[in-house]
C-alpha atoms as a PDB file:
ATOM      1  CA  UNK A   1     -23.294   9.574  33.449  1.00  0.00           C
ATOM      2  CA  UNK A   2     -20.913  11.345  31.315  1.00  0.00           C
ATOM      3  CA  UNK A   3     -23.187  10.657  28.429  1.00  0.00           C
ATOM      4  CA  UNK A   4     -25.555  13.346  29.967  1.00  0.00           C
ATOM      5  CA  UNK A   5     -21.770  15.857  30.722  1.00  0.00           C
ATOM      6  CA  UNK A   6     -20.900  15.414  27.557  1.00  0.00           C
ATOM      7  CA  UNK A   7     -25.155  15.808  26.149  1.00  0.00           C
ATOM      8  CA  UNK A   8     -24.073  18.910  28.774  1.00  0.00           C
ATOM      9  CA  UNK A   9     -20.819  20.499  27.786  1.00  0.00           C
ATOM     10  CA  UNK A  10     -22.224  20.261  24.096  1.00  0.00           C
ATOM     11  CA  UNK A  11     -25.001  22.627  25.270  1.00  0.00           C
ATOM     12  CA  UNK A  12     -23.020  25.183  27.158  1.00  0.00           C
ATOM     13  CA  UNK A  13     -21.117  25.654  23.524  1.00  0.00           C
ATOM     14  CA  UNK A  14     -24.660  26.121  21.445  1.00  0.00           C
ATOM     15  CA  UNK A  15     -24.638  22.707  19.748  1.00  0.00           C
ATOM     16  CA  UNK A  16     -26.314  19.623  18.919  1.00  0.00           C
ATOM     17  CA  UNK A  17     -25.657  16.947  21.485  1.00  0.00           C
ATOM     18  CA  UNK A  18     -26.276  14.659  18.517  1.00  0.00           C
ATOM     19  CA  UNK A  19     -23.310  16.737  16.334  1.00  0.00           C
ATOM     20  CA  UNK A  20     -21.386  16.447  18.755  1.00  0.00           C
ATOM     21  CA  UNK A  21     -21.787  12.392  19.666  1.00  0.00           C
ATOM     22  CA  UNK A  22     -20.826  12.616  15.951  1.00  0.00           C
ATOM     23  CA  UNK A  23     -17.671  14.713  15.960  1.00  0.00           C
ATOM     24  CA  UNK A  24     -18.711  16.866  13.531  1.00  0.00           C
ATOM     25  CA  UNK A  25     -19.201  19.812  15.876  1.00  0.00           C
ATOM     26  CA  UNK A  26     -16.808  22.477  17.269  1.00  0.00           C
ATOM     27  CA  UNK A  27     -16.254  23.865  20.413  1.00  0.00           C
ATOM     28  CA  UNK A  28     -13.965  25.893  21.514  1.00  0.00           C
ATOM     29  CA  UNK A  29     -10.245  24.783  22.379  1.00  0.00           C
ATOM     30  CA  UNK A  30     -10.960  22.015  20.293  1.00  0.00           C
ATOM     31  CA  UNK A  31      -8.682  21.394  16.947  1.00  0.00           C
ATOM     32  CA  UNK A  32     -11.813  20.444  14.442  1.00  0.00           C
ATOM     33  CA  UNK A  33     -10.569  17.284  11.729  1.00  0.00           C
ATOM     34  CA  UNK A  34     -11.486  14.160  11.681  1.00  0.00           C
ATOM     35  CA  UNK A  35      -9.301  10.767  10.728  1.00  0.00           C
ATOM     36  CA  UNK A  36     -10.300   8.086   7.932  1.00  0.00           C
ATOM     37  CA  UNK A  37      -8.660   4.625   8.677  1.00  0.00           C
ATOM     38  CA  UNK A  38      -7.803   2.839   5.906  1.00  0.00           C
ATOM     39  CA  UNK A  39      -6.799  -0.884   5.177  1.00  0.00           C
ATOM     40  CA  UNK A  40      -5.590  -2.896   1.419  1.00  0.00           C
ATOM     41  CA  UNK A  41      -4.334  -6.231   0.973  1.00  0.00           C
ATOM     42  CA  UNK A  42      -2.870  -7.235  -3.031  1.00  0.00           C
ATOM     43  CA  UNK A  43      -1.188  -9.475  -5.130  1.00  0.00           C
ATOM     44  CA  UNK A  44       0.614  -9.916  -7.889  1.00  0.00           C
ATOM     45  CA  UNK A  45      -0.471 -13.120  -9.410  1.00  0.00           C
ATOM     46  CA  UNK A  46      -2.264 -11.830 -11.729  1.00  0.00           C
ATOM     47  CA  UNK A  47      -0.417  -9.075 -12.754  1.00  0.00           C
ATOM     48  CA  UNK A  48       2.525 -11.376 -13.470  1.00  0.00           C
ATOM     49  CA  UNK A  49       0.121 -13.971 -15.516  1.00  0.00           C
ATOM     50  CA  UNK A  50      -1.577 -11.545 -17.466  1.00  0.00           C
ATOM     51  CA  UNK A  51       2.183  -9.407 -18.359  1.00  0.00           C
ATOM     52  CA  UNK A  52       3.753 -13.734 -19.200  1.00  0.00           C
ATOM     53  CA  UNK A  53       0.482 -13.925 -21.615  1.00  0.00           C
ATOM     54  CA  UNK A  54       0.885 -10.309 -23.093  1.00  0.00           C
ATOM     55  CA  UNK A  55       4.734 -10.168 -23.713  1.00  0.00           C
ATOM     56  CA  UNK A  56       4.607 -14.329 -25.044  1.00  0.00           C
ATOM     57  CA  UNK A  57       2.146 -12.549 -27.561  1.00  0.00           C
ATOM     58  CA  UNK A  58       4.537  -9.838 -28.871  1.00  0.00           C
ATOM     59  CA  UNK A  59       8.039 -11.410 -27.634  1.00  0.00           C
ATOM     60  CA  UNK A  60       7.439 -15.182 -27.607  1.00  0.00           C
ATOM     61  CA  UNK A  61       9.872 -16.592 -24.548  1.00  0.00           C
ATOM     62  CA  UNK A  62      11.593 -13.558 -23.753  1.00  0.00           C
ATOM     63  CA  UNK A  63       8.636 -10.871 -24.383  1.00  0.00           C
ATOM     64  CA  UNK A  64       7.001 -13.706 -21.741  1.00  0.00           C
ATOM     65  CA  UNK A  65       9.166 -13.189 -19.351  1.00  0.00           C
ATOM     66  CA  UNK A  66       9.555  -9.511 -19.182  1.00  0.00           C
ATOM     67  CA  UNK A  67       6.176  -9.380 -19.373  1.00  0.00           C
ATOM     68  CA  UNK A  68       5.646 -11.111 -16.250  1.00  0.00           C
ATOM     69  CA  UNK A  69       8.564  -9.080 -14.246  1.00  0.00           C
ATOM     70  CA  UNK A  70       6.902  -5.971 -15.065  1.00  0.00           C
ATOM     71  CA  UNK A  71       3.343  -7.446 -13.953  1.00  0.00           C
ATOM     72  CA  UNK A  72       5.022  -8.298 -11.011  1.00  0.00           C
ATOM     73  CA  UNK A  73       5.250  -4.507  -9.792  1.00  0.00           C
ATOM     74  CA  UNK A  74       1.388  -4.207 -10.608  1.00  0.00           C
ATOM     75  CA  UNK A  75      -0.977  -5.536  -8.288  1.00  0.00           C
ATOM     76  CA  UNK A  76      -4.498  -5.853  -7.249  1.00  0.00           C
ATOM     77  CA  UNK A  77      -6.706  -6.382  -4.326  1.00  0.00           C
ATOM     78  CA  UNK A  78      -9.245  -5.082  -1.861  1.00  0.00           C
ATOM     79  CA  UNK A  79     -10.162  -1.802   0.335  1.00  0.00           C
ATOM     80  CA  UNK A  80     -11.665  -0.871   3.442  1.00  0.00           C
ATOM     81  CA  UNK A  81     -11.672   2.568   4.936  1.00  0.00           C
ATOM     82  CA  UNK A  82     -13.587   3.425   8.039  1.00  0.00           C
ATOM     83  CA  UNK A  83     -14.878   6.981   9.140  1.00  0.00           C
ATOM     84  CA  UNK A  84     -14.741   6.728  13.098  1.00  0.00           C
ATOM     85  CA  UNK A  85     -16.953  10.477  13.440  1.00  0.00           C
ATOM     86  CA  UNK A  86     -19.674   8.821  11.484  1.00  0.00           C
ATOM     87  CA  UNK A  87     -19.208   4.979  12.025  1.00  0.00           C
ATOM     88  CA  UNK A  88     -19.992   4.629   8.484  1.00  0.00           C
ATOM     89  CA  UNK A  89     -17.678   1.668   6.413  1.00  0.00           C
ATOM     90  CA  UNK A  90     -16.257   1.935   3.235  1.00  0.00           C
ATOM     91  CA  UNK A  91     -14.993  -0.792   1.212  1.00  0.00           C
ATOM     92  CA  UNK A  92     -13.891  -1.752  -2.936  1.00  0.00           C
ATOM     93  CA  UNK A  93     -11.564  -2.741  -5.364  1.00  0.00           C
ATOM     94  CA  UNK A  94      -7.877  -0.849  -5.354  1.00  0.00           C
ATOM     95  CA  UNK A  95      -4.943  -1.780  -8.065  1.00  0.00           C
ATOM     96  CA  UNK A  96      -1.184  -0.517  -7.082  1.00  0.00           C
ATOM     97  CA  UNK A  97       2.157   0.446  -8.685  1.00  0.00           C
ATOM     98  CA  UNK A  98       4.943  -0.389  -6.785  1.00  0.00           C
ATOM     99  CA  UNK A  99       8.257   0.113  -8.258  1.00  0.00           C
ATOM    100  CA  UNK A 100       9.963  -2.529  -6.941  1.00  0.00           C
ATOM    101  CA  UNK A 101      10.637  -6.278  -8.132  1.00  0.00           C
ATOM    102  CA  UNK A 102       7.359  -8.414  -6.728  1.00  0.00           C
ATOM    103  CA  UNK A 103       6.605  -4.872  -5.544  1.00  0.00           C
ATOM    104  CA  UNK A 104       2.641  -5.424  -6.234  1.00  0.00           C
ATOM    105  CA  UNK A 105       1.952  -8.149  -3.697  1.00  0.00           C
ATOM    106  CA  UNK A 106       2.083  -6.334   0.184  1.00  0.00           C
ATOM    107  CA  UNK A 107      -0.616  -4.596   2.591  1.00  0.00           C
ATOM    108  CA  UNK A 108      -0.853  -1.612   3.718  1.00  0.00           C
ATOM    109  CA  UNK A 109      -2.343   0.360   6.978  1.00  0.00           C
ATOM    110  CA  UNK A 110      -2.965   4.398   7.319  1.00  0.00           C
ATOM    111  CA  UNK A 111      -4.367   6.666   9.041  1.00  0.00           C
ATOM    112  CA  UNK A 112      -4.892  10.275   7.579  1.00  0.00           C
ATOM    113  CA  UNK A 113      -6.311  13.833   9.225  1.00  0.00           C
ATOM    114  CA  UNK A 114      -8.881  15.069   7.430  1.00  0.00           C
ATOM    115  CA  UNK A 115      -9.433  19.070   8.002  1.00  0.00           C
ATOM    116  CA  UNK A 116     -12.352  20.209   9.548  1.00  0.00           C
ATOM    117  CA  UNK A 117     -13.614  21.921   6.067  1.00  0.00           C
ATOM    118  CA  UNK A 118     -12.771  18.631   4.271  1.00  0.00           C
ATOM    119  CA  UNK A 119     -15.936  15.364   4.568  1.00  0.00           C
ATOM    120  CA  UNK A 120     -14.138  12.767   5.528  1.00  0.00           C
ATOM    121  CA  UNK A 121     -17.403  10.319   3.810  1.00  0.00           C
ATOM    122  CA  UNK A 122     -16.684  12.786   0.480  1.00  0.00           C
ATOM    123  CA  UNK A 123     -12.742  10.798   0.432  1.00  0.00           C
ATOM    124  CA  UNK A 124     -13.238   7.487   1.464  1.00  0.00           C
ATOM    125  CA  UNK A 125     -16.525   6.510  -0.585  1.00  0.00           C
ATOM    126  CA  UNK A 126     -15.962   6.693  -4.467  1.00  0.00           C
ATOM    127  CA  UNK A 127     -12.802   7.356  -6.693  1.00  0.00           C
ATOM    128  CA  UNK A 128      -9.716   8.158  -4.706  1.00  0.00           C
ATOM    129  CA  UNK A 129      -5.554   8.243  -5.435  1.00  0.00           C
ATOM    130  CA  UNK A 130      -2.517   7.693  -3.221  1.00  0.00           C
ATOM    131  CA  UNK A 131       1.522   7.867  -3.026  1.00  0.00           C
ATOM    132  CA  UNK A 132       2.644   6.081   0.160  1.00  0.00           C
ATOM    133  CA  UNK A 133       6.325   6.455   1.040  1.00  0.00           C
ATOM    134  CA  UNK A 134       7.138   3.226   3.085  1.00  0.00           C
ATOM    135  CA  UNK A 135      11.234   3.417   3.931  1.00  0.00           C
ATOM    136  CA  UNK A 136      10.436   0.887   6.736  1.00  0.00           C
ATOM    137  CA  UNK A 137       7.387  -1.446   7.334  1.00  0.00           C
ATOM    138  CA  UNK A 138       6.672   0.169   9.957  1.00  0.00           C
ATOM    139  CA  UNK A 139       7.874   3.852   9.146  1.00  0.00           C
ATOM    140  CA  UNK A 140       6.028   5.376   6.361  1.00  0.00           C
ATOM    141  CA  UNK A 141       3.748   8.547   4.927  1.00  0.00           C
ATOM    142  CA  UNK A 142       0.695   7.848   3.089  1.00  0.00           C
ATOM    143  CA  UNK A 143      -0.879  11.276   1.011  1.00  0.00           C
ATOM    144  CA  UNK A 144      -4.475  10.525  -0.254  1.00  0.00           C
ATOM    145  CA  UNK A 145      -6.785  12.769  -2.358  1.00  0.00           C
ATOM    146  CA  UNK A 146      -9.903  12.072  -3.578  1.00  0.00           C
ATOM    147  CA  UNK A 147     -11.199  14.212  -7.041  1.00  0.00           C
ATOM    148  CA  UNK A 148     -14.173  16.815  -5.849  1.00  0.00           C
ATOM    149  CA  UNK A 149     -12.935  16.050  -2.392  1.00  0.00           C
ATOM    150  CA  UNK A 150     -10.766  19.806  -1.004  1.00  0.00           C
ATOM    151  CA  UNK A 151      -6.944  19.148  -1.257  1.00  0.00           C
ATOM    152  CA  UNK A 152      -4.692  15.805  -0.453  1.00  0.00           C
ATOM    153  CA  UNK A 153      -4.417  14.968   3.308  1.00  0.00           C
ATOM    154  CA  UNK A 154      -2.204  12.794   5.042  1.00  0.00           C
ATOM    155  CA  UNK A 155      -0.991  10.784   7.673  1.00  0.00           C
ATOM    156  CA  UNK A 156       0.795   7.121   8.737  1.00  0.00           C
ATOM    157  CA  UNK A 157       1.512   4.634   7.059  1.00  0.00           C
ATOM    158  CA  UNK A 158       2.106   0.977   7.897  1.00  0.00           C
ATOM    159  CA  UNK A 159       3.194  -1.812   5.063  1.00  0.00           C
ATOM    160  CA  UNK A 160       5.148  -4.312   2.942  1.00  0.00           C
ATOM    161  CA  UNK A 161       5.179  -2.062  -0.106  1.00  0.00           C
ATOM    162  CA  UNK A 162       8.571  -0.833   0.122  1.00  0.00           C
ATOM    163  CA  UNK A 163       9.870   2.042  -0.237  1.00  0.00           C
ATOM    164  CA  UNK A 164       7.113   3.598  -2.618  1.00  0.00           C
ATOM    165  CA  UNK A 165       3.690   2.376  -3.955  1.00  0.00           C
ATOM    166  CA  UNK A 166       0.991   4.297  -6.120  1.00  0.00           C
ATOM    167  CA  UNK A 167      -2.520   3.868  -5.908  1.00  0.00           C
ATOM    168  CA  UNK A 168      -6.146   3.809  -7.790  1.00  0.00           C
ATOM    169  CA  UNK A 169      -9.459   2.504  -5.730  1.00  0.00           C
ATOM    170  CA  UNK A 170     -12.914   3.003  -6.212  1.00  0.00           C
ATOM    171  CA  UNK A 171     -14.872   2.682  -2.640  1.00  0.00           C
ATOM    172  CA  UNK A 172     -18.489   2.320  -2.123  1.00  0.00           C
ATOM    173  CA  UNK A 173     -20.383   2.593   1.299  1.00  0.00           C
ATOM    174  CA  UNK A 174     -21.055  -0.681   2.696  1.00  0.00           C
ATOM    175  CA  UNK A 175     -22.161   0.564   6.189  1.00  0.00           C
ATOM    176  CA  UNK A 176     -23.695   3.814   6.614  1.00  0.00           C
ATOM    177  CA  UNK A 177     -22.783   4.887  10.057  1.00  0.00           C
ATOM    178  CA  UNK A 178     -25.495   6.125  12.659  1.00  0.00           C
ATOM    179  CA  UNK A 179     -23.735   9.741  12.231  1.00  0.00           C
ATOM    180  CA  UNK A 180     -23.513  10.164   8.692  1.00  0.00           C
END
């Protein structure tokens, strides 16, 4: 019954019912935006080992120590993004820099709002950059920018990389949704 009512409402507003179900159709009186739900997990163990090795080659044991400390600021791992409006899933590698001792290890989760003029799939797919301000683990915000997809998008975040982190990731589509 709800599906019939939704289809009737979409047709009343002159919109294809399929587009309305996928969240891509403007309906009078309703804000037109989408969201991207993302999360990532990183470890600084590989970057500590690399920093130790490079620092040791350059400056012996003191250089190895300094390189390991510097390596702890970076983390490598994976990210996943889901676009509910198109039911599409994206995943890929990520590199994070967090200017705090051991800051490269951790996790982050966020939900960014995508205005009507931008394609959430274009932001979630391919190369993207982010800055996350995380003053407390449950209270933060993130700004994400994907080249060629318009202005940056913003939303709330949770995570362990306190107080700030900078990330770069490259995602590919893992699952094409029924809407996109």
